[in-house]
């Protein structure tokens, strides 16, 4: 059975492609700053949002199924549990098993689903804080 939270650095690889569930074009949203930080640090990040089509001048996708080539890790920064569970089901159906739940974006239902489907999960860490350390000093970011 996979661990529910293990070394967060094991999921960080600049060769990976990341989907950011809950990506936002709202400058006061944590997911907006997380998206920018990932890009500035050199990661390939694809915004996923059910309604928005462009986030930070990057095409956003309504589902994981619409992203090609497929991603390696799905990052959850959505406040909406029902929406997050929808994307977890898409992960299962698309045979994606690496998930990062940004600090505060985790529920018991997500834990049960992730465990039952043998996902490799990171939770309880702020990806934003970890990535921000990889950005040169001349870039300032602040979490909302």
Protein backbone atom coordinates (compact mmCIF):
# COMPACT_ATOMS: atom_id res chain seq x y z
CA UNK A 1 0.00 0.00 0.00
CA UNK A 2 1.42 3.43 -0.88
CA UNK A 3 2.30 5.94 1.77
CA UNK A 4 -0.07 8.85 2.12
CA UNK A 5 2.72 11.32 2.68
CA UNK A 6 6.35 10.70 1.97
CA UNK A 7 9.39 12.73 0.95
CA UNK A 8 7.99 15.68 -1.01
CA UNK A 9 11.21 16.08 -2.98
CA UNK A 10 10.68 12.63 -4.51
CA UNK A 11 7.88 14.10 -6.66
CA UNK A 12 9.85 17.13 -7.81
CA UNK A 13 11.57 16.58 -11.12
CA UNK A 14 11.99 19.19 -13.85
CA UNK A 15 11.54 16.43 -16.44
CA UNK A 16 8.01 15.79 -15.12
CA UNK A 17 4.88 17.45 -16.46
CA UNK A 18 2.51 18.75 -13.76
CA UNK A 19 -1.21 19.44 -13.92
CA UNK A 20 -2.40 22.10 -11.47
CA UNK A 21 -6.02 21.43 -10.49
CA UNK A 22 -7.63 24.62 -9.26
CA UNK A 23 -5.32 26.88 -11.24
CA UNK A 24 -6.63 30.41 -11.22
CA UNK A 25 -6.23 33.71 -13.03
CA UNK A 26 -7.19 35.61 -9.87
CA UNK A 27 -4.04 37.35 -8.59
CA UNK A 28 -5.20 36.99 -4.96
CA UNK A 29 -5.58 33.20 -5.23
CA UNK A 30 -2.87 30.90 -3.84
CA UNK A 31 -3.07 28.70 -6.97
CA UNK A 32 -2.23 31.72 -9.16
CA UNK A 33 1.02 32.30 -7.25
CA UNK A 34 1.79 28.59 -7.18
CA UNK A 35 1.42 28.40 -10.97
CA UNK A 36 3.76 31.37 -11.48
CA UNK A 37 6.32 30.00 -9.02
CA UNK A 38 6.38 26.59 -10.73
CA UNK A 39 6.89 28.24 -14.12
CA UNK A 40 9.62 30.60 -12.83
CA UNK A 41 11.44 27.65 -11.23
CA UNK A 42 11.50 25.85 -14.59
CA UNK A 43 8.75 23.25 -14.14
CA UNK A 44 6.28 22.37 -16.90
CA UNK A 45 2.87 23.07 -15.42
CA UNK A 46 -0.49 22.78 -17.15
CA UNK A 47 -3.43 24.65 -15.59
CA UNK A 48 -6.63 22.65 -15.08
CA UNK A 49 -9.88 24.46 -14.42
CA UNK A 50 -13.45 23.51 -15.40
CA UNK A 51 -14.37 27.02 -16.63
CA UNK A 52 -11.26 29.09 -17.27
CA UNK A 53 -9.61 28.68 -20.68
CA UNK A 54 -6.51 30.86 -20.21
CA UNK A 55 -4.48 31.25 -17.03
CA UNK A 56 -1.40 33.50 -17.04
CA UNK A 57 -1.39 33.43 -20.86
CA UNK A 58 -1.31 29.62 -20.86
CA UNK A 59 -4.19 27.47 -22.19
CA UNK A 60 -6.14 25.86 -19.36
CA UNK A 61 -7.77 22.46 -19.72
CA UNK A 62 -11.16 21.42 -18.35
CA UNK A 63 -10.06 17.85 -17.58
CA UNK A 64 -6.99 15.66 -17.27
CA UNK A 65 -8.25 13.67 -20.27
CA UNK A 66 -7.81 16.70 -22.53
CA UNK A 67 -4.09 17.12 -21.77
CA UNK A 68 -1.64 15.55 -24.21
CA UNK A 69 0.95 14.36 -23.67
CA UNK A 70 -0.18 13.12 -20.29
CA UNK A 71 1.17 14.56 -17.05
CA UNK A 72 3.29 12.79 -14.44
CA UNK A 73 1.95 14.46 -11.28
CA UNK A 74 -1.36 16.11 -10.47
CA UNK A 75 -1.19 19.00 -7.98
CA UNK A 76 -4.40 19.82 -6.12
CA UNK A 77 -4.93 23.42 -5.06
CA UNK A 78 -8.70 23.53 -5.36
CA UNK A 79 -10.93 24.47 -2.44
CA UNK A 80 -13.75 22.41 -3.97
CA UNK A 81 -13.79 18.84 -2.60
CA UNK A 82 -16.34 17.60 -5.14
CA UNK A 83 -14.22 18.95 -8.01
CA UNK A 84 -11.05 17.44 -6.53
CA UNK A 85 -12.76 14.04 -6.25
CA UNK A 86 -13.79 14.33 -9.91
CA UNK A 87 -10.15 14.85 -10.90
CA UNK A 88 -9.05 12.00 -8.63
CA UNK A 89 -11.43 9.72 -10.53
CA UNK A 90 -9.93 10.99 -13.79
CA UNK A 91 -6.47 10.18 -12.43
CA UNK A 92 -7.57 6.64 -11.66
CA UNK A 93 -9.21 6.21 -15.07
CA UNK A 94 -6.15 7.61 -16.84
CA UNK A 95 -3.68 5.53 -14.77
CA UNK A 96 -2.05 8.56 -13.15
CA UNK A 97 -0.94 7.72 -9.61
CA UNK A 98 1.12 10.65 -8.29
CA UNK A 99 -0.79 13.38 -6.48
CA UNK A 100 0.34 16.39 -4.46
CA UNK A 101 -2.28 18.00 -2.25
CA UNK A 102 -1.20 21.53 -1.51
CA UNK A 103 -1.32 22.30 2.19
CA UNK A 104 -4.93 22.70 3.32
CA UNK A 105 -6.44 21.07 0.21
CA UNK A 106 -7.10 17.59 1.57
CA UNK A 107 -10.11 15.81 3.00
CA UNK A 108 -10.97 12.44 4.49
CA UNK A 109 -12.86 11.48 1.30
CA UNK A 110 -9.77 12.26 -0.80
CA UNK A 111 -7.62 10.21 1.57
CA UNK A 112 -9.92 7.20 1.33
CA UNK A 113 -10.10 7.42 -2.47
CA UNK A 114 -6.31 7.84 -2.79
CA UNK A 115 -5.62 4.89 -0.50
CA UNK A 116 -8.15 2.62 -2.20
CA UNK A 117 -6.59 3.41 -5.58
CA UNK A 118 -2.96 3.06 -4.46
CA UNK A 119 -1.97 6.63 -5.30
CA UNK A 120 1.41 7.99 -4.29
CA UNK A 121 0.42 11.06 -2.28
CA UNK A 122 2.12 14.10 -0.82
CA UNK A 123 0.06 16.10 1.65
CA UNK A 124 0.77 18.50 4.48
CA UNK A 125 3.53 20.36 2.66
CA UNK A 126 3.39 23.69 0.90
CA UNK A 127 4.66 23.13 -2.63
CA UNK A 128 4.64 26.91 -3.04
CA UNK A 129 7.15 27.33 -0.19
CA UNK A 130 9.38 24.54 -1.50
CA UNK A 131 9.37 25.87 -5.07
CA UNK A 132 9.87 29.47 -3.98
CA UNK A 133 13.27 28.43 -2.58
CA UNK A 134 14.31 27.37 -6.10
CA UNK A 135 13.61 30.78 -7.65
CA UNK A 136 16.51 33.25 -7.95
CA UNK A 137 16.47 36.04 -5.38
CA UNK A 138 15.37 38.69 -7.85
CA UNK A 139 11.89 37.12 -8.11
CA UNK A 140 9.53 37.98 -5.30
CA UNK A 141 6.42 35.92 -4.71
CA UNK A 142 3.94 36.06 -1.89
CA UNK A 143 1.32 33.49 -1.00
CA UNK A 144 -2.21 34.73 -0.61
